[in-house]
N, C-alpha and C. Protein backbone atom coordinates (compact mmCIF):
# COMPACT_ATOMS: atom_id res chain seq x y z
N UNK A 1 -12.28 7.78 8.85
CA UNK A 1 -11.90 6.20 7.81
C UNK A 1 -12.79 6.91 6.29
N UNK A 2 -11.40 6.80 5.27
CA UNK A 2 -11.72 7.16 4.66
C UNK A 2 -13.30 6.39 3.42
N UNK A 3 -14.13 6.76 3.33
CA UNK A 3 -15.27 6.01 2.70
C UNK A 3 -14.79 5.58 1.86
N UNK A 4 -15.74 4.77 0.71
CA UNK A 4 -15.78 3.14 -0.28
C UNK A 4 -15.04 4.19 -1.73
N UNK A 5 -15.72 5.72 -1.40
CA UNK A 5 -14.97 6.23 -3.39
C UNK A 5 -13.90 7.17 -2.84
N UNK A 6 -13.35 7.45 -2.66
CA UNK A 6 -11.92 7.37 -1.22
C UNK A 6 -10.86 6.25 -1.58
N UNK A 7 -11.24 5.80 -1.52
CA UNK A 7 -10.45 4.11 -1.56
C UNK A 7 -10.57 4.16 -2.99
N UNK A 8 -11.54 4.33 -3.50
CA UNK A 8 -11.21 4.02 -5.19
C UNK A 8 -11.04 4.24 -6.33
N UNK A 9 -10.73 6.05 -5.81
CA UNK A 9 -10.40 6.98 -6.28
C UNK A 9 -8.67 7.34 -6.35
N UNK A 10 -8.02 6.74 -4.16
CA UNK A 10 -7.07 6.13 -4.26
C UNK A 10 -5.99 5.34 -4.53
N UNK A 11 -6.55 4.02 -5.03
CA UNK A 11 -6.27 3.04 -5.75
C UNK A 11 -5.91 3.31 -7.02
N UNK A 12 -7.39 4.39 -7.87
CA UNK A 12 -6.94 4.92 -9.08
C UNK A 12 -5.59 6.16 -8.97
N UNK A 13 -5.95 6.97 -8.70
CA UNK A 13 -4.63 7.95 -8.78
C UNK A 13 -3.17 6.98 -8.06
N UNK A 14 -3.09 6.97 -7.44
CA UNK A 14 -2.21 6.10 -6.95
C UNK A 14 -1.37 4.77 -7.81
N UNK A 15 -1.72 4.46 -8.37
CA UNK A 15 -1.10 3.40 -9.78
C UNK A 15 -0.30 2.70 -9.61
N UNK A 16 0.63 3.94 -10.68
CA UNK A 16 1.74 4.22 -11.17
C UNK A 16 2.47 3.85 -10.56
N UNK A 17 2.68 4.39 -8.80
CA UNK A 17 3.50 3.70 -7.76
C UNK A 17 3.83 2.50 -7.64
N UNK A 18 2.29 1.23 -7.72
CA UNK A 18 2.73 0.33 -7.63
C UNK A 18 3.15 -0.66 -8.66
N UNK A 19 2.73 -0.14 -10.05
CA UNK A 19 3.42 -0.46 -11.30
C UNK A 19 4.62 -0.80 -11.37
N UNK A 20 5.34 0.59 -10.88
CA UNK A 20 6.51 0.72 -10.55
C UNK A 20 7.43 0.29 -10.19
N UNK A 21 7.33 -0.29 -8.86
CA UNK A 21 7.13 -0.76 -7.32
C UNK A 21 7.73 -2.62 -8.58
N UNK A 22 6.56 -3.14 -9.46
CA UNK A 22 6.33 -4.66 -9.86
C UNK A 22 7.18 -5.01 -10.47
N UNK A 23 7.66 -3.76 -11.70
CA UNK A 23 8.29 -3.95 -12.65
C UNK A 23 9.87 -3.37 -11.35
N UNK A 24 10.63 -2.76 -11.04
CA UNK A 24 11.64 -2.95 -10.65
C UNK A 24 12.69 -4.41 -9.69
N UNK A 25 10.92 -4.82 -8.86
CA UNK A 25 11.46 -5.73 -8.58
C UNK A 25 11.21 -6.99 -9.80
N UNK A 26 10.79 -7.05 -10.29
CA UNK A 26 10.98 -7.87 -11.90
C UNK A 26 9.74 -9.56 -11.06
N UNK A 27 8.28 -9.05 -9.78
CA UNK A 27 7.66 -9.76 -9.35
C UNK A 27 7.16 -10.68 -11.39
N UNK A 28 7.38 -12.16 -10.87
CA UNK A 28 7.23 -12.82 -11.98
C UNK A 28 5.98 -13.42 -11.86
N UNK A 29 5.82 -14.98 -12.63
CA UNK A 29 4.93 -15.61 -12.23
C UNK A 29 5.45 -17.02 -11.64
N UNK A 30 4.60 -17.65 -10.61
CA UNK A 30 4.74 -18.28 -9.56
C UNK A 30 5.18 -17.81 -8.35
N UNK A 31 6.03 -16.92 -7.78
CA UNK A 31 5.69 -15.74 -7.21
C UNK A 31 4.74 -15.82 -5.43
N UNK A 32 4.99 -16.08 -4.48
CA UNK A 32 4.01 -16.18 -3.49
C UNK A 32 4.19 -15.00 -2.89
N UNK A 33 3.51 -14.28 -2.87
CA UNK A 33 3.10 -12.59 -1.85
C UNK A 33 1.67 -12.75 -0.43
N UNK A 34 1.82 -11.56 -0.03
CA UNK A 34 0.97 -11.40 0.49
C UNK A 34 0.79 -9.70 0.62
N UNK A 35 0.05 -9.44 0.71
CA UNK A 35 -0.59 -7.57 0.86
C UNK A 35 -1.54 -7.95 2.16
N UNK A 36 -0.97 -6.51 2.67
CA UNK A 36 -0.95 -7.02 4.18
C UNK A 36 -2.06 -5.18 4.13
N UNK A 37 -3.07 -5.93 4.82
CA UNK A 37 -3.83 -4.55 5.19
C UNK A 37 -4.68 -4.43 3.44
N UNK A 38 -5.12 -5.47 2.93
CA UNK A 38 -5.00 -5.16 1.57
C UNK A 38 -6.91 -4.48 1.24
N UNK A 39 -7.62 -4.19 2.19
CA UNK A 39 -8.31 -3.55 1.84
C UNK A 39 -9.52 -4.16 0.82
N UNK A 40 -10.30 -3.03 0.36
CA UNK A 40 -10.66 -3.39 -1.38
C UNK A 40 -10.19 -4.86 -2.37
N UNK A 41 -9.31 -5.08 -2.12
CA UNK A 41 -8.17 -6.01 -2.67
C UNK A 41 -7.29 -5.61 -4.47
N UNK A 42 -7.73 -4.46 -4.76
CA UNK A 42 -6.69 -3.85 -5.62
C UNK A 42 -5.83 -4.37 -5.88
N UNK A 43 -4.06 -4.13 -4.69
CA UNK A 43 -3.09 -4.30 -5.11
C UNK A 43 -3.00 -6.51 -4.86
N UNK A 44 -3.93 -6.98 -4.31
CA UNK A 44 -4.00 -8.36 -4.38
C UNK A 44 -4.44 -8.89 -5.44
N UNK A 45 -5.21 -8.37 -5.98
CA UNK A 45 -5.87 -8.76 -7.71
C UNK A 45 -4.32 -8.35 -8.79
N UNK A 46 -3.87 -6.99 -8.42
CA UNK A 46 -2.96 -6.55 -9.49
C UNK A 46 -2.17 -8.02 -9.40
N UNK A 47 -0.98 -8.26 -7.74
CA UNK A 47 -0.28 -9.14 -7.45
C UNK A 47 -0.65 -10.24 -8.68
N UNK A 48 -2.60 -10.79 -8.12
CA UNK A 48 -2.68 -12.04 -8.36
C UNK A 48 -2.25 -11.89 -10.23
N UNK A 49 -2.65 -11.42 -11.01
CA UNK A 49 -2.75 -11.36 -12.35
C UNK A 49 -0.79 -11.87 -13.01
N UNK A 50 0.25 -10.65 -11.74
CA UNK A 50 1.36 -11.46 -12.21
C UNK A 50 1.68 -12.75 -11.53
N UNK A 51 1.44 -12.69 -11.11
CA UNK A 51 1.98 -14.28 -10.19
C UNK A 51 1.44 -15.28 -11.37
N UNK A 52 -0.10 -15.33 -11.57
CA UNK A 52 -0.78 -16.24 -11.83
C UNK A 52 -1.41 -17.38 -11.16
N UNK A 53 -1.61 -18.25 -12.22
CA UNK A 53 -2.44 -19.76 -11.40
C UNK A 53 -1.34 -20.53 -10.38
N UNK A 54 -0.21 -20.37 -11.37
CA UNK A 54 0.97 -21.04 -10.61
C UNK A 54 1.36 -20.40 -9.32
N UNK A 55 1.63 -18.98 -9.03
CA UNK A 55 1.64 -18.26 -7.56
C UNK A 55 0.40 -18.65 -7.19
N UNK A 56 0.35 -17.85 -5.53
CA UNK A 56 -0.40 -16.99 -4.84
C UNK A 56 -0.49 -15.75 -4.15
N UNK A 57 -1.77 -15.16 -3.83
CA UNK A 57 -1.47 -14.31 -2.54
C UNK A 57 -2.15 -13.56 -2.14
N UNK A 58 -2.17 -13.94 -0.76
CA UNK A 58 -2.80 -13.71 0.20
C UNK A 58 -3.09 -12.60 0.36
N UNK A 59 -4.34 -11.99 0.91
CA UNK A 59 -5.20 -10.91 1.07
C UNK A 59 -5.34 -11.26 2.44
N UNK A 60 -4.10 -10.32 3.70
CA UNK A 60 -4.63 -10.14 4.19
C UNK A 60 -5.44 -8.22 4.82
N UNK A 61 -6.94 -8.80 5.50
CA UNK A 61 -7.13 -7.95 6.18
C UNK A 61 -8.14 -7.63 7.69
N UNK A 62 -8.44 -7.23 8.67
CA UNK A 62 -8.69 -7.22 9.37
C UNK A 62 -10.15 -7.53 10.10
N UNK A 63 -10.73 -6.74 8.24
CA UNK A 63 -11.74 -6.10 8.37
C UNK A 63 -12.92 -7.53 7.64
N UNK A 64 -13.30 -8.35 8.33
CA UNK A 64 -14.59 -9.37 7.43
C UNK A 64 -15.12 -9.24 6.11
N UNK A 65 -15.42 -7.79 6.15
CA UNK A 65 -16.26 -7.66 4.79
C UNK A 65 -15.60 -7.39 4.38
N UNK A 66 -14.15 -6.75 4.10
CA UNK A 66 -13.17 -6.40 3.15
C UNK A 66 -12.92 -8.30 2.51
N UNK A 67 -12.57 -9.28 3.26
CA UNK A 67 -12.67 -10.28 3.03
C UNK A 67 -13.41 -10.84 1.79
N UNK A 68 -14.39 -10.45 2.24
CA UNK A 68 -15.41 -11.63 1.35
C UNK A 68 -15.37 -10.48 0.05
N UNK A 69 -15.12 -9.67 0.25
CA UNK A 69 -15.54 -8.41 -1.09
C UNK A 69 -13.98 -8.82 -2.04
N UNK A 70 -12.83 -8.97 -0.93
CA UNK A 70 -11.61 -9.38 -2.08
C UNK A 70 -11.70 -10.73 -2.43
N UNK A 71 -12.15 -11.97 -2.07
CA UNK A 71 -12.82 -13.56 -2.03
C UNK A 71 -13.49 -13.35 -3.57
N UNK A 72 -14.89 -12.20 -3.41
CA UNK A 72 -15.42 -12.46 -4.51
C UNK A 72 -14.64 -11.40 -6.19
N UNK A 73 -14.01 -11.15 -5.83
CA UNK A 73 -12.90 -10.10 -7.18
C UNK A 73 -12.01 -11.70 -7.45
N UNK A 74 -11.95 -11.99 -6.57
CA UNK A 74 -10.46 -13.02 -7.00
C UNK A 74 -11.15 -14.21 -7.37
N UNK A 75 -12.25 -14.82 -7.04
CA UNK A 75 -12.99 -16.01 -7.75
C UNK A 75 -12.59 -15.65 -9.16
N UNK A 76 -13.14 -14.89 -9.44
CA UNK A 76 -13.28 -14.24 -10.93
C UNK A 76 -12.18 -13.89 -11.85
N UNK A 77 -11.31 -13.47 -11.59
CA UNK A 77 -10.07 -13.09 -11.39
C UNK A 77 -8.38 -13.30 -11.44
N UNK A 78 -8.11 -14.43 -10.11
CA UNK A 78 -6.59 -14.72 -9.51
C UNK A 78 -6.65 -15.35 -9.03
N UNK A 79 -5.21 -15.63 -8.89
CA UNK A 79 -4.93 -16.96 -7.92
C UNK A 79 -5.02 -16.13 -6.32
N UNK A 80 -5.83 -15.50 -5.63
CA UNK A 80 -6.58 -14.79 -4.18
C UNK A 80 -6.86 -15.15 -3.45
N UNK A 81 -5.98 -15.55 -1.58
CA UNK A 81 -6.83 -16.16 -0.88
C UNK A 81 -6.87 -14.87 0.50
N UNK A 82 -8.30 -15.03 0.79
CA UNK A 82 -8.28 -13.57 1.50
C UNK A 82 -8.32 -14.70 3.11
N UNK A 83 -8.06 -13.79 3.38
CA UNK A 83 -7.92 -13.70 5.39
C UNK A 83 -8.07 -12.81 5.92
N UNK A 84 -8.79 -12.98 7.22
CA UNK A 84 -9.30 -12.24 8.07
C UNK A 84 -8.43 -11.80 9.42
N UNK A 85 -7.27 -11.27 9.15
CA UNK A 85 -6.15 -11.16 10.27
C UNK A 85 -5.74 -9.66 10.91
N UNK A 86 -5.35 -9.44 12.15
CA UNK A 86 -4.88 -7.96 12.07
C UNK A 86 -3.68 -8.13 11.77
N UNK A 87 -2.95 -7.67 10.82
CA UNK A 87 -1.52 -7.12 10.52
C UNK A 87 -0.45 -7.22 11.86
N UNK A 88 -0.46 -6.88 12.74
CA UNK A 88 -0.07 -7.61 13.93
C UNK A 88 0.52 -8.63 14.03
N UNK A 89 -0.54 -8.89 14.03
CA UNK A 89 -1.22 -11.18 14.44
C UNK A 89 -1.16 -11.88 13.35
N UNK A 90 -0.81 -11.20 11.46
CA UNK A 90 -0.44 -12.13 10.51
C UNK A 90 0.39 -13.74 11.39
N UNK A 91 -0.38 -14.25 10.38
CA UNK A 91 0.12 -15.95 10.50
C UNK A 91 -0.30 -16.04 8.97
N UNK A 92 0.98 -17.12 8.51
CA UNK A 92 0.61 -17.97 6.89
C UNK A 92 0.98 -18.95 6.81
N UNK A 93 0.39 -19.65 5.92
CA UNK A 93 0.19 -21.09 6.48
C UNK A 93 1.85 -21.36 5.16
N UNK A 94 2.25 -20.68 4.32
CA UNK A 94 3.26 -20.44 3.95
C UNK A 94 4.21 -19.73 3.68
N UNK A 95 5.12 -19.71 3.62
CA UNK A 95 6.64 -18.65 3.73
C UNK A 95 6.21 -17.30 2.64
N UNK A 96 6.88 -16.29 2.64
CA UNK A 96 6.15 -15.59 0.89
C UNK A 96 7.49 -15.41 0.44
N UNK A 97 7.24 -14.79 -0.96
CA UNK A 97 8.24 -14.30 -1.26
C UNK A 97 8.45 -13.10 -1.27
N UNK A 98 7.32 -11.96 -1.51
CA UNK A 98 6.87 -10.89 -1.45
C UNK A 98 6.43 -10.21 0.23
N UNK A 99 6.05 -9.50 1.46
CA UNK A 99 5.26 -9.37 2.13
C UNK A 99 5.14 -7.36 1.19
N UNK A 100 3.57 -7.32 0.86
CA UNK A 100 3.55 -5.61 1.10
C UNK A 100 2.67 -4.67 0.68
N UNK A 101 2.91 -3.77 1.44
CA UNK A 101 1.89 -3.29 2.00
C UNK A 101 1.53 -2.00 1.48
N UNK A 102 0.29 -1.10 1.93
CA UNK A 102 0.17 0.42 1.13
C UNK A 102 -0.99 0.87 1.98
N UNK A 103 -0.86 2.46 2.45
CA UNK A 103 -1.32 2.75 3.43
C UNK A 103 -1.90 2.16 4.41
N UNK A 104 -1.06 1.80 5.00
CA UNK A 104 -1.27 0.88 6.41
C UNK A 104 -0.84 1.53 7.33
N UNK A 105 0.40 1.32 7.60
CA UNK A 105 1.16 2.21 8.67
C UNK A 105 0.96 3.07 8.99
N UNK A 106 0.15 3.74 8.10
CA UNK A 106 -0.19 5.49 8.90
C UNK A 106 -1.38 5.77 9.88
N UNK A 107 -1.98 3.88 9.81
CA UNK A 107 -3.06 3.71 10.61
C UNK A 107 -3.03 3.16 12.14
N UNK A 108 -1.54 2.18 11.31
CA UNK A 108 -1.31 1.45 13.09
C UNK A 108 -0.83 1.63 13.95
N UNK A 109 -1.23 1.37 15.32
CA UNK A 109 -0.75 1.83 16.57
C UNK A 109 0.93 1.61 16.42
N UNK A 110 1.17 0.21 16.13
CA UNK A 110 2.89 0.83 15.88
C UNK A 110 3.89 0.38 14.68
N UNK A 111 4.11 1.13 14.34
CA UNK A 111 4.49 0.31 12.46
C UNK A 111 5.53 -0.22 12.60
N UNK A 112 6.48 -0.42 13.51
CA UNK A 112 7.51 -1.08 13.39
C UNK A 112 7.51 -2.43 13.49
N UNK A 113 6.32 -2.91 14.86
CA UNK A 113 5.64 -4.36 15.31
C UNK A 113 5.18 -5.05 13.96
N UNK A 114 4.35 -4.12 13.13
CA UNK A 114 3.34 -4.75 11.69
C UNK A 114 4.77 -5.33 10.68
N UNK A 115 6.22 -4.20 11.10
CA UNK A 115 7.04 -4.62 9.74
C UNK A 115 7.72 -5.99 9.63
N UNK A 116 7.71 -5.79 10.82
CA UNK A 116 8.88 -6.89 11.64
C UNK A 116 7.63 -8.53 12.10
N UNK A 117 6.46 -8.26 11.53
CA UNK A 117 5.50 -9.20 11.22
C UNK A 117 5.81 -9.52 9.90
N UNK A 118 5.32 -8.73 9.04
CA UNK A 118 6.47 -8.70 7.11
C UNK A 118 7.34 -9.61 7.10
N UNK A 119 7.90 -9.32 8.25
CA UNK A 119 9.74 -9.95 7.89
C UNK A 119 9.34 -11.05 8.25
N UNK A 120 8.33 -11.24 9.18
CA UNK A 120 8.55 -13.14 9.58
C UNK A 120 7.66 -13.82 9.38
N UNK A 121 6.57 -13.57 7.93
CA UNK A 121 6.02 -14.43 7.56
C UNK A 121 7.64 -14.45 6.53
N UNK A 122 8.36 -14.50 5.36
CA UNK A 122 9.39 -14.31 4.19
C UNK A 122 9.75 -14.94 4.26
N UNK A 123 10.06 -15.70 3.25
CA UNK A 123 11.92 -16.76 3.01
C UNK A 123 12.53 -15.53 3.30
N UNK A 124 13.99 -16.25 3.59
CA UNK A 124 14.99 -16.23 3.48
C UNK A 124 15.82 -15.19 2.28
N UNK A 125 15.86 -13.97 2.18
CA UNK A 125 16.23 -13.34 1.20
C UNK A 125 15.13 -13.03 0.02
N UNK A 126 13.79 -13.15 1.12
CA UNK A 126 13.18 -12.56 0.15
C UNK A 126 12.35 -11.21 0.61
N UNK A 127 11.82 -10.62 -0.21
CA UNK A 127 11.32 -9.03 -0.23
C UNK A 127 10.47 -8.64 0.62
N UNK A 128 10.26 -7.24 1.13
CA UNK A 128 8.96 -6.52 1.81
C UNK A 128 9.69 -5.41 0.73
N UNK A 129 8.42 -4.82 0.45
CA UNK A 129 7.32 -3.56 -0.09
C UNK A 129 6.75 -2.39 0.53
N UNK A 130 7.12 -1.08 1.32
CA UNK A 130 5.88 -0.29 1.78
C UNK A 130 6.14 0.56 0.92
N UNK A 131 4.80 0.61 0.96
CA UNK A 131 4.25 2.28 -0.01
C UNK A 131 3.28 2.94 1.01
N UNK A 132 3.94 3.81 1.58
CA UNK A 132 3.36 5.06 2.25
C UNK A 132 3.34 6.36 2.39
N UNK A 133 2.74 7.33 2.80
CA UNK A 133 2.60 8.99 1.91
C UNK A 133 3.27 9.55 3.08
N UNK A 134 3.18 10.66 2.62
CA UNK A 134 4.47 11.99 3.14
C UNK A 134 3.00 12.67 3.81
N UNK A 135 1.91 12.55 4.00
CA UNK A 135 0.30 13.21 4.04
C UNK A 135 0.95 15.16 4.10
N UNK A 136 1.52 15.33 5.18
CA UNK A 136 2.51 16.99 4.84
C UNK A 136 3.19 17.30 3.99
N UNK A 137 3.25 16.41 2.85
CA UNK A 137 4.08 17.31 2.16
C UNK A 137 2.98 17.08 0.79
N UNK A 138 1.52 16.77 0.49
CA UNK A 138 0.73 17.77 -0.49
C UNK A 138 0.86 19.40 -0.52
N UNK A 139 -0.20 19.31 -1.28
CA UNK A 139 -0.51 20.80 -1.62
C UNK A 139 -1.17 21.16 -2.53
N UNK A 140 -1.87 22.36 -2.69
CA UNK A 140 -3.03 22.67 -3.27
C UNK A 140 -2.67 24.33 -3.15
N UNK A 141 -1.80 24.30 -5.01
CA UNK A 141 -1.50 25.34 -5.61
C UNK A 141 -0.16 25.28 -4.47
N UNK A 142 0.01 27.01 -3.79
CA UNK A 142 1.69 27.18 -3.04
C UNK A 142 1.47 26.77 -1.96
N UNK A 143 -0.09 25.71 -1.31
CA UNK A 143 -0.30 25.78 -0.29
C UNK A 143 0.30 24.53 0.63
N UNK A 144 0.26 24.17 1.78
CA UNK A 144 0.46 23.29 1.93
C UNK A 144 -1.03 22.63 2.39
N UNK A 145 -0.98 21.04 1.79
CA UNK A 145 -2.55 20.63 2.71
C UNK A 145 -2.23 19.99 3.86
N UNK A 146 -3.30 20.57 4.68
CA UNK A 146 -3.33 19.65 6.42
C UNK A 146 -4.96 18.62 6.34
N UNK A 147 -5.93 19.14 5.56
CA UNK A 147 -6.88 18.76 5.88
C UNK A 147 -6.58 17.14 5.36
N UNK A 148 -5.95 16.15 5.39
CA UNK A 148 -5.98 14.83 4.52
C UNK A 148 -5.37 14.43 6.16
N UNK A 149 -4.31 14.83 6.92
CA UNK A 149 -3.61 14.39 8.41
C UNK A 149 -5.20 13.89 10.06
N UNK A 150 -5.64 14.66 9.58
CA UNK A 150 -7.29 14.35 10.32
C UNK A 150 -6.90 13.01 11.58
N UNK A 151 -7.64 11.72 10.96
CA UNK A 151 -7.83 10.67 12.45
C UNK A 151 -5.79 10.00 11.78
N UNK A 152 -5.55 9.89 11.14
CA UNK A 152 -4.20 9.25 11.06
C UNK A 152 -3.33 9.10 11.88
N UNK A 153 -2.59 8.39 12.72
CA UNK A 153 -1.94 8.13 13.54
C UNK A 153 -0.47 8.56 12.90
N UNK A 154 -0.06 8.31 12.19
CA UNK A 154 1.33 8.82 11.56
C UNK A 154 1.22 9.05 10.11
N UNK A 155 0.75 9.70 10.17
CA UNK A 155 0.55 11.01 8.70
C UNK A 155 1.57 10.74 7.54
N UNK A 156 2.84 11.16 8.14
CA UNK A 156 4.27 11.35 7.53
C UNK A 156 5.48 10.05 7.07
N UNK A 157 4.62 8.92 8.67
CA UNK A 157 5.15 7.75 7.66
C UNK A 157 6.56 7.10 7.20
N UNK A 158 5.26 8.03 5.80
CA UNK A 158 6.66 7.67 4.48
C UNK A 158 7.83 7.83 4.47
N UNK A 159 8.21 9.01 5.37
CA UNK A 159 9.38 9.68 5.16
C UNK A 159 9.95 9.24 6.20
N UNK A 160 10.09 7.88 7.28
CA UNK A 160 10.15 6.76 8.34
C UNK A 160 10.96 5.92 8.32
N UNK A 161 9.76 5.46 7.16
CA UNK A 161 9.86 3.63 6.83
C UNK A 161 11.36 3.10 6.24
N UNK A 162 12.32 4.37 6.03
CA UNK A 162 13.31 4.03 5.06
C UNK A 162 14.63 3.68 6.88
N UNK A 163 14.63 4.89 7.27
CA UNK A 163 15.52 4.55 8.52
C UNK A 163 15.39 3.43 9.66
N UNK A 164 13.35 2.75 9.29
CA UNK A 164 12.92 1.77 9.99
C UNK A 164 13.96 0.65 9.60
N UNK A 165 13.88 0.51 8.79
CA UNK A 165 14.75 -0.63 7.55
C UNK A 165 15.17 -0.89 8.33
N UNK A 166 16.82 0.18 7.97
CA UNK A 166 17.56 0.02 8.88
C UNK A 166 18.22 -0.02 10.07
N UNK A 167 17.49 0.17 10.89
CA UNK A 167 17.14 -0.36 12.31
C UNK A 167 16.45 -1.85 12.51
N UNK A 168 16.11 -2.11 11.76
CA UNK A 168 16.40 -3.57 11.69
C UNK A 168 17.11 -4.45 10.81
N UNK A 169 18.01 -3.82 10.99
CA UNK A 169 18.81 -4.61 9.86
C UNK A 169 18.32 -5.86 8.84
N UNK A 170 17.58 -4.75 7.97
CA UNK A 170 16.89 -4.78 7.06
C UNK A 170 18.51 -4.37 5.61
N UNK A 171 18.29 -5.03 4.26
CA UNK A 171 19.18 -4.19 3.18
C UNK A 171 17.55 -3.44 2.59
N UNK A 172 18.02 -2.02 2.56
CA UNK A 172 17.40 -1.32 1.80
C UNK A 172 17.79 -1.46 0.36
N UNK A 173 17.55 -1.66 -0.37
CA UNK A 173 17.75 -2.12 -2.10
C UNK A 173 17.09 -1.51 -2.89
N UNK A 174 15.81 0.11 -2.68
CA UNK A 174 15.85 0.82 -3.50
C UNK A 174 14.10 1.59 -2.98
N UNK A 175 14.88 3.17 -2.89
CA UNK A 175 13.58 3.62 -2.28
C UNK A 175 13.34 5.12 -3.19
N UNK A 176 12.37 5.73 -3.40
CA UNK A 176 12.21 6.43 -3.92
C UNK A 176 10.67 7.36 -3.19
N UNK A 177 9.92 8.22 -4.54
CA UNK A 177 8.85 9.22 -4.05
C UNK A 177 8.12 9.17 -5.47
N UNK A 178 6.92 8.75 -5.52
CA UNK A 178 5.88 9.51 -7.03
C UNK A 178 4.20 10.59 -5.80
N UNK A 179 4.07 11.53 -6.51
CA UNK A 179 3.21 11.82 -6.87
C UNK A 179 2.23 12.99 -7.06
N UNK A 180 0.63 11.55 -7.31
CA UNK A 180 0.03 12.57 -8.32
C UNK A 180 -0.32 13.95 -8.70
N UNK A 181 0.06 14.20 -9.49
CA UNK A 181 -0.72 16.13 -9.27
C UNK A 181 -1.92 16.21 -10.72
N UNK A 182 -2.85 17.47 -10.38
CA UNK A 182 -3.68 16.92 -11.78
C UNK A 182 -4.03 19.08 -11.22
N UNK A 183 -4.22 19.43 -12.17
CA UNK A 183 -5.39 20.56 -12.83
C UNK A 183 -6.62 20.44 -13.12
N UNK A 184 -7.69 20.52 -12.60
CA UNK A 184 -8.90 20.31 -12.97
C UNK A 184 -9.45 20.17 -12.94
N UNK A 185 -11.10 19.56 -13.07
CA UNK A 185 -11.61 18.30 -12.56
C UNK A 185 -10.48 17.60 -13.58
N UNK A 186 -9.90 16.44 -12.22
CA UNK A 186 -8.93 15.19 -12.55
C UNK A 186 -9.41 14.32 -11.69
N UNK A 187 -8.75 12.82 -11.52
CA UNK A 187 -9.00 11.51 -10.55
C UNK A 187 -8.36 12.48 -9.44
N UNK A 188 -7.16 13.05 -9.05
CA UNK A 188 -6.92 13.93 -7.98
C UNK A 188 -7.35 14.69 -7.65
N UNK A 189 -8.21 15.40 -8.02
CA UNK A 189 -9.05 16.87 -6.79
C UNK A 189 -10.08 16.16 -7.00
N UNK A 190 -10.87 14.94 -7.81
CA UNK A 190 -11.87 14.24 -6.52
C UNK A 190 -11.61 12.93 -5.79
N UNK A 191 -10.25 13.18 -5.81
CA UNK A 191 -10.06 12.51 -4.76
C UNK A 191 -10.07 13.06 -3.29
N UNK A 192 -9.33 13.91 -3.90
CA UNK A 192 -9.13 15.59 -2.60
C UNK A 192 -10.34 15.66 -1.79
N UNK A 193 -11.73 16.10 -3.12
CA UNK A 193 -13.23 16.35 -2.69
C UNK A 193 -13.99 14.82 -1.93
N UNK A 194 -13.34 13.76 -2.22
CA UNK A 194 -13.94 12.75 -1.09
C UNK A 194 -13.58 12.57 0.22
N UNK A 195 -12.12 12.97 -0.04
CA UNK A 195 -11.26 13.13 1.48
C UNK A 195 -12.36 14.46 2.88
N UNK A 196 -11.97 15.31 2.11
CA UNK A 196 -12.52 16.80 2.19
C UNK A 196 -13.74 17.42 2.35
N UNK A 197 -14.50 17.13 0.85
CA UNK A 197 -15.81 17.33 0.58
C UNK A 197 -15.13 19.40 0.13
N UNK A 198 -14.72 19.59 -0.38
CA UNK A 198 -13.73 20.20 -1.22
C UNK A 198 -13.09 20.09 -2.63
N UNK A 199 -13.92 21.06 -3.86
CA UNK A 199 -13.56 20.20 -4.96
C UNK A 199 -11.92 21.41 -5.01
N UNK A 200 -11.30 21.90 -6.03
CA UNK A 200 -10.35 22.10 -6.44
C UNK A 200 -10.20 21.97 -7.77
N UNK A 201 -10.76 23.02 -8.41
CA UNK A 201 -9.89 22.88 -9.74
C UNK A 201 -9.59 23.87 -10.51
N UNK A 202 -9.04 25.20 -9.41
CA UNK A 202 -8.71 26.49 -10.35
C UNK A 202 -7.26 26.60 -10.24
N UNK A 203 -6.22 25.34 -9.34
CA UNK A 203 -4.95 25.29 -8.93
C UNK A 203 -5.18 23.64 -8.60
N UNK A 204 -3.28 23.52 -9.59
CA UNK A 204 -3.25 22.87 -9.20
C UNK A 204 -3.40 21.81 -7.61
N UNK A 205 -3.10 20.72 -7.94
CA UNK A 205 -4.01 19.81 -6.56
C UNK A 205 -2.04 18.59 -6.97
N UNK A 206 -1.22 18.92 -5.66
CA UNK A 206 -0.84 17.79 -5.50
C UNK A 206 -1.00 16.87 -4.20
N UNK A 207 -1.37 15.63 -4.80
CA UNK A 207 -1.71 14.56 -3.26
C UNK A 207 0.15 14.25 -3.31
N UNK A 208 -0.43 13.85 -1.53
CA UNK A 208 0.48 13.54 -0.83
C UNK A 208 1.74 12.77 -1.42
N UNK A 209 3.39 12.33 -1.99
CA UNK A 209 3.62 11.88 -2.34
C UNK A 209 3.99 10.37 -1.48
N UNK A 210 3.86 9.76 -2.42
CA UNK A 210 3.87 8.27 -1.70
C UNK A 210 5.48 7.32 -2.06
N UNK A 211 5.54 6.52 -0.46
CA UNK A 211 7.14 6.62 -1.37
C UNK A 211 7.16 5.14 -0.87
N UNK A 212 7.98 4.74 -2.06
CA UNK A 212 7.62 3.30 -1.74
C UNK A 212 9.81 2.88 -1.22
N UNK A 213 9.40 1.54 -0.33
CA UNK A 213 10.97 1.46 -0.14
C UNK A 213 11.15 0.00 -0.17
N UNK A 214 11.97 -0.44 -1.01
CA UNK A 214 11.96 -2.01 -1.11
C UNK A 214 13.61 -2.69 -0.50
N UNK A 215 12.46 -3.12 0.25
CA UNK A 215 13.89 -4.08 1.38
C UNK A 215 14.36 -5.92 1.38
N UNK A 216 15.56 -6.55 1.38
CA UNK A 216 16.01 -7.28 1.30
C UNK A 216 15.43 -7.77 2.42
N UNK A 217 15.18 -9.13 3.68
CA UNK A 217 15.30 -9.63 4.53
C UNK A 217 16.28 -10.72 4.67
N UNK A 218 17.04 -10.32 5.40
CA UNK A 218 18.55 -11.76 5.26
C UNK A 218 18.08 -13.15 5.38
N UNK A 219 18.79 -13.46 5.86
CA UNK A 219 18.92 -14.75 6.28
C UNK A 219 18.75 -15.52 7.87
């Protein structure tokens, strides 16, 4: 698993896809959301700031230490409720407008089960947003980046999500990919170093593109 520094760097370099998704979906004050696999709470806090005091964000993670970390951050800034649950068994006290996950399906045993569970906690005509990487598409210069595949169960799940969404009968309303690129001593090169212990500053580094899939859950 990535260390804490790597996760913090990842949250930084992949911040723009999150902002793009929230803007396209027009998330607003009063929404209820769940961040599945919340980790340290970066996404939960960002969503909490958007939905405001009239909304709610459930930050769900299997690790109780993460729950405490999110709770500490959220208490200062946002309307976030931290819960310790496995994504496959998630249950919420209410239906939500949006179920979100990022860098989660790479690691789970069965991504389809997790997506179905996400859909089960969403209101009729509510939304699912899934942001997952295509790890093999990362590049260092002209060479493929294979060093990040390591312990991931589904390193290229990002490219498979649109098909899964269609197979499950959900309405896919938007889908795109964004890849952070840097040259020199950049957040991208530092993230790569944190993951691989190799610092690359003399070649462009393109981190794995993050595929964002937005889907509506029918009645």
